[in-house]
Amino acid sequence: MRNLYVTACLLALPALVFGAALTPEQANYAVSRDAKVIGTATYSLGANADGTWTLHSETRGTGGMAKLFGLDVREDSTFALRDGQLQGLRYSYEQDAAIRHKRRRIDFDWNARQIRVRDNGKDFRYATQPGTIDRSAAAVALGIALASGQTTITLPVAVRDRVQMQRYAVRGDSVIDLPGGRHAATEIERTDMPGKAKSWYAPGASVLPLRVEQVQHDGSIIVMERK
């Protein structure tokens, strides 16, 4: 469960322009793998007392191997709006299952211009880029960008050992069928890794996606659909 400028450059990035204010919201999703339901996910976006925002998500296995191995994934992304830019502050990821446990924490030190990552016991450090966020906050950033009318978007996303420039393009509008009913939606696709990820949003109505489709390393397709 995810950020924004129209053009990007590693040396000089323009400020993000926001056309919609953030408001607290929650979204529930059905999660499937290769068209078979395997779990549920809940995303909650809320304001903090210090003016920052946190996106919290929980994904639980309810079917197939995900249920068998007790899959439980939790993510927390805390970010701020500063000088017109979305900035990551903290990120944590915890995955628990009978055969696999994963932990990742990211701390953004904007004073030192450094990002510190601890990934399954290994440490990484690298320089920030203006407006760097984590992969979970990217979903919110895309929603804000679409509400602002942007059609091409580049997001600097902190991954394990570097800032990854993720590029997206709007593919058009359509009506999609979801567990929660039919919705008018705008489709956006990641273009720096063609075929990797697509998302559908209702621009102006929510900064959280209606549907997310991601291709995994083994070729399987994970889909989240809003209930």
Protein backbone atom coordinates (compact mmCIF):
# COMPACT_ATOMS: atom_id res chain seq x y z
CA MET A 1 0.00 0.00 0.00
CA ARG A 2 1.88 5.18 -2.20
CA ASN A 3 5.70 11.73 -3.81
CA LEU A 4 5.73 14.84 -6.69
CA TYR A 5 6.94 16.90 -9.54
CA VAL A 6 6.22 17.09 -13.23
CA THR A 7 9.85 16.77 -14.25
CA ALA A 8 12.82 15.56 -12.30
CA CYS A 9 16.55 15.90 -12.20
CA LEU A 10 18.95 14.34 -9.73
CA LEU A 11 20.72 17.66 -9.19
CA ALA A 12 17.86 20.15 -9.10
CA LEU A 13 14.26 19.18 -8.45
CA PRO A 14 11.34 21.60 -8.64
CA ALA A 15 9.06 22.09 -5.65
CA LEU A 16 5.92 20.03 -5.40
CA VAL A 17 2.65 21.78 -6.07
CA PHE A 18 -0.39 20.57 -4.15
CA GLY A 19 -3.91 21.14 -5.42
CA ALA A 20 -5.71 19.39 -2.60
CA ALA A 21 -5.42 19.53 1.16
CA LEU A 22 -4.90 16.32 3.08
CA THR A 23 -7.77 15.09 5.20
CA PRO A 24 -7.91 12.04 7.48
CA GLU A 25 -9.37 8.96 5.79
CA GLN A 26 -9.46 5.18 5.90
CA ALA A 27 -9.73 2.59 3.14
CA ASN A 28 -10.30 -1.17 3.28
CA TYR A 29 -9.10 -3.49 0.52
CA ALA A 30 -9.47 -7.05 -0.67
CA VAL A 31 -6.06 -8.50 -1.60
CA SER A 32 -5.69 -11.16 -4.29
CA ARG A 33 -2.83 -13.04 -5.92
CA ASP A 34 -3.38 -14.23 -9.49
CA ALA A 35 -7.13 -13.61 -9.10
CA LYS A 36 -7.43 -15.63 -5.85
CA VAL A 37 -8.30 -13.72 -2.67
CA ILE A 38 -5.53 -14.13 -0.08
CA GLY A 39 -6.11 -11.35 2.42
CA THR A 40 -7.39 -7.97 3.51
CA ALA A 41 -5.68 -4.63 3.98
CA THR A 42 -6.60 -1.48 5.89
CA TYR A 43 -5.02 1.91 5.27
CA SER A 44 -5.51 4.85 7.66
CA LEU A 45 -4.26 8.37 6.98
CA GLY A 46 -4.26 10.65 10.01
CA ALA A 47 -2.90 13.98 11.21
CA ASN A 48 -0.47 14.11 14.14
CA ALA A 49 -0.37 16.71 16.91
CA ASP A 50 2.84 18.25 15.52
CA GLY A 51 1.35 18.89 12.09
CA THR A 52 2.86 15.85 10.41
CA TRP A 53 0.88 12.98 8.88
CA THR A 54 1.05 9.20 9.27
CA LEU A 55 -0.20 6.55 6.88
CA HIS A 56 -0.68 3.26 8.72
CA SER A 57 -1.50 -0.01 6.98
CA GLU A 58 -2.09 -3.59 8.03
CA THR A 59 -2.35 -6.57 5.68
CA ARG A 60 -3.44 -9.97 6.94
CA GLY A 61 -3.59 -13.32 5.18
CA THR A 62 -7.07 -14.84 5.09
CA GLY A 63 -6.75 -17.38 2.29
CA GLY A 64 -4.36 -19.77 0.57
CA MET A 65 -0.71 -19.86 1.62
CA ALA A 66 -1.00 -16.39 3.16
CA LYS A 67 -3.48 -17.75 5.69
CA LEU A 68 -1.57 -21.00 6.17
CA PHE A 69 1.62 -19.15 7.13
CA GLY A 70 -0.15 -16.46 9.14
CA LEU A 71 0.95 -13.52 6.99
CA ASP A 72 0.84 -10.22 8.89
CA VAL A 73 2.33 -7.03 7.41
CA ARG A 74 2.39 -3.62 9.09
CA GLU A 75 3.67 -0.35 7.64
CA ASP A 76 3.88 3.15 9.12
CA SER A 77 4.90 6.16 7.07
CA THR A 78 5.23 9.56 8.73
CA PHE A 79 5.76 12.60 6.51
CA ALA A 80 5.36 16.38 6.45
CA LEU A 81 4.45 19.16 4.04
CA ARG A 82 7.29 21.68 4.15
CA ASP A 83 7.82 24.62 1.80
CA GLY A 84 5.42 23.06 -0.68
CA GLN A 85 7.16 19.69 -0.63
CA LEU A 86 6.19 16.30 0.73
CA GLN A 87 9.07 15.05 2.91
CA GLY A 88 9.53 11.67 4.49
CA LEU A 89 10.34 11.59 8.21
CA ARG A 90 10.10 7.96 9.37
CA TYR A 91 9.10 4.65 7.87
CA SER A 92 8.80 1.17 9.32
CA TYR A 93 7.88 -2.16 7.76
CA GLU A 94 7.28 -5.41 9.62
CA GLN A 95 6.34 -8.69 7.99
CA ASP A 96 5.65 -11.74 10.11
CA ALA A 97 4.89 -15.19 8.74
CA ALA A 98 5.67 -18.74 9.79
CA ILE A 99 8.61 -19.01 7.36
CA ARG A 100 9.69 -15.40 6.90
CA HIS A 101 10.23 -12.30 8.98
CA LYS A 102 11.26 -8.95 7.51
CA ARG A 103 12.04 -5.62 9.15
CA ARG A 104 12.93 -2.28 7.59
CA ARG A 105 13.23 1.15 9.18
CA ILE A 106 14.03 4.41 7.40
CA ASP A 107 14.90 7.67 9.14
CA PHE A 108 15.13 10.90 7.14
CA ASP A 109 17.61 13.38 8.67
CA TRP A 110 16.93 16.56 6.72
CA ASN A 111 19.39 18.63 8.77
CA ALA A 112 22.24 16.27 7.89
CA ARG A 113 20.73 15.58 4.44
CA GLN A 114 21.08 11.90 5.09
CA ILE A 115 18.81 8.87 4.95
CA ARG A 116 19.51 6.00 7.34
CA VAL A 117 18.10 2.55 6.58
CA ARG A 118 18.18 -0.57 8.73
CA ASP A 119 17.06 -3.54 6.70
CA ASN A 120 16.97 -6.98 8.33
CA GLY A 121 20.01 -6.17 10.46
CA LYS A 122 22.00 -4.39 7.74
CA ASP A 123 22.64 -0.64 7.75
CA PHE A 124 22.73 1.73 4.78
CA ARG A 125 23.28 5.48 4.55
CA TYR A 126 22.94 7.79 1.58
CA ALA A 127 22.16 11.40 0.71
CA THR A 128 18.66 12.81 0.52
CA GLN A 129 17.13 14.34 -2.59
CA PRO A 130 14.60 17.18 -2.19
CA GLY A 131 11.19 15.76 -1.37
CA THR A 132 12.34 12.17 -0.81
CA ILE A 133 9.64 9.89 0.58
CA ASP A 134 9.18 6.19 1.30
CA ARG A 135 7.27 3.71 -0.85
CA SER A 136 4.14 3.82 1.30
CA ALA A 137 3.87 7.61 1.16
CA ALA A 138 4.16 7.34 -2.63
CA ALA A 139 0.53 6.21 -2.78
CA VAL A 140 -0.58 9.45 -1.10
CA ALA A 141 1.72 11.55 -3.27
CA LEU A 142 0.26 10.07 -6.45
CA GLY A 143 -3.25 10.84 -5.23
CA ILE A 144 -2.29 14.45 -4.52
CA ALA A 145 -0.60 14.81 -7.90
CA LEU A 146 -3.65 13.55 -9.76
CA ALA A 147 -5.91 15.90 -7.78
CA SER A 148 -3.60 18.72 -8.93
CA GLY A 149 -4.13 17.73 -12.55
CA GLN A 150 -0.65 16.36 -13.20
CA THR A 151 -0.31 13.76 -15.94
CA THR A 152 3.38 12.87 -15.58
CA ILE A 153 4.89 12.45 -12.12
CA THR A 154 8.37 11.69 -10.79
CA LEU A 155 8.83 10.63 -7.18
CA PRO A 156 12.15 10.33 -5.31
CA VAL A 157 11.59 7.22 -3.20
CA ALA A 158 13.98 5.95 -0.51
CA VAL A 159 14.62 2.23 -1.00
CA ARG A 160 17.16 -0.08 0.61
CA ASP A 161 20.41 1.56 -0.50
CA ARG A 162 19.55 4.61 -2.62
CA VAL A 163 16.98 7.15 -3.73
CA GLN A 164 15.06 5.64 -6.62
CA MET A 165 13.45 8.02 -9.13
CA GLN A 166 10.06 6.49 -9.86
CA ARG A 167 8.21 7.85 -12.90
CA TYR A 168 4.49 7.62 -13.59
CA ALA A 169 2.11 8.64 -16.37
CA VAL A 170 -1.67 8.94 -16.56
CA ARG A 171 -3.17 6.40 -18.97
CA GLY A 172 -6.74 7.67 -19.03
CA ASP A 173 -10.12 7.56 -17.36
CA SER A 174 -12.47 4.60 -17.09
CA VAL A 175 -15.16 2.99 -14.94
CA ILE A 176 -13.92 0.05 -12.85
CA ASP A 177 -15.80 -2.61 -10.89
CA LEU A 178 -14.66 -3.12 -7.30
CA PRO A 179 -15.98 -5.11 -4.34
CA GLY A 180 -17.46 -1.82 -3.12
CA GLY A 181 -19.22 -1.05 -6.41
CA ARG A 182 -18.53 0.78 -9.67
CA HIS A 183 -16.28 3.84 -9.65
CA ALA A 184 -15.06 6.39 -12.15
CA ALA A 185 -11.28 6.22 -11.98
CA THR A 186 -8.08 7.59 -13.47
CA GLU A 187 -5.44 4.98 -14.31
CA ILE A 188 -1.77 5.75 -13.67
CA GLU A 189 1.14 3.48 -14.62
CA ARG A 190 4.76 3.35 -13.52
CA THR A 191 6.89 4.03 -16.60
CA ASP A 192 10.49 3.66 -15.38
CA MET A 193 9.73 -0.06 -14.90
CA PRO A 194 7.13 -0.83 -17.61
CA GLY A 195 4.58 -3.46 -16.62
CA LYS A 196 5.56 -3.31 -12.93
CA ALA A 197 2.70 -1.35 -11.35
CA LYS A 198 -0.62 0.34 -12.10
CA SER A 199 -3.00 2.24 -9.84
CA TRP A 200 -6.49 3.67 -10.17
CA TYR A 201 -7.65 6.76 -8.26
CA ALA A 202 -10.73 8.93 -7.91
CA PRO A 203 -8.98 12.33 -8.17
CA GLY A 204 -10.36 14.92 -5.80
CA ALA A 205 -12.35 12.36 -3.82
CA SER A 206 -9.50 10.52 -2.06
CA VAL A 207 -5.71 10.49 -2.03
CA LEU A 208 -5.76 6.73 -1.42
CA PRO A 209 -6.11 4.48 -4.48
CA LEU A 210 -9.19 2.56 -5.53
CA ARG A 211 -7.16 -0.26 -7.03
CA VAL A 212 -3.47 -1.23 -7.13
CA GLU A 213 -1.91 -3.88 -9.36
CA GLN A 214 1.71 -5.00 -8.96
CA VAL A 215 3.72 -7.68 -10.75
CA GLN A 216 6.00 -9.65 -8.41
CA HIS A 217 9.48 -11.04 -9.11
CA ASP A 218 8.03 -14.48 -9.82
CA GLY A 219 5.55 -13.08 -12.34
CA SER A 220 2.50 -13.37 -10.08
CA ILE A 221 0.16 -10.40 -9.86
CA ILE A 222 -0.93 -8.89 -6.54
CA VAL A 223 -4.09 -6.77 -6.68
CA MET A 224 -5.65 -4.59 -3.97
CA GLU A 225 -9.24 -3.48 -4.55
CA ARG A 226 -11.16 -1.09 -2.38
CA LYS A 227 -14.19 -2.51 -0.60
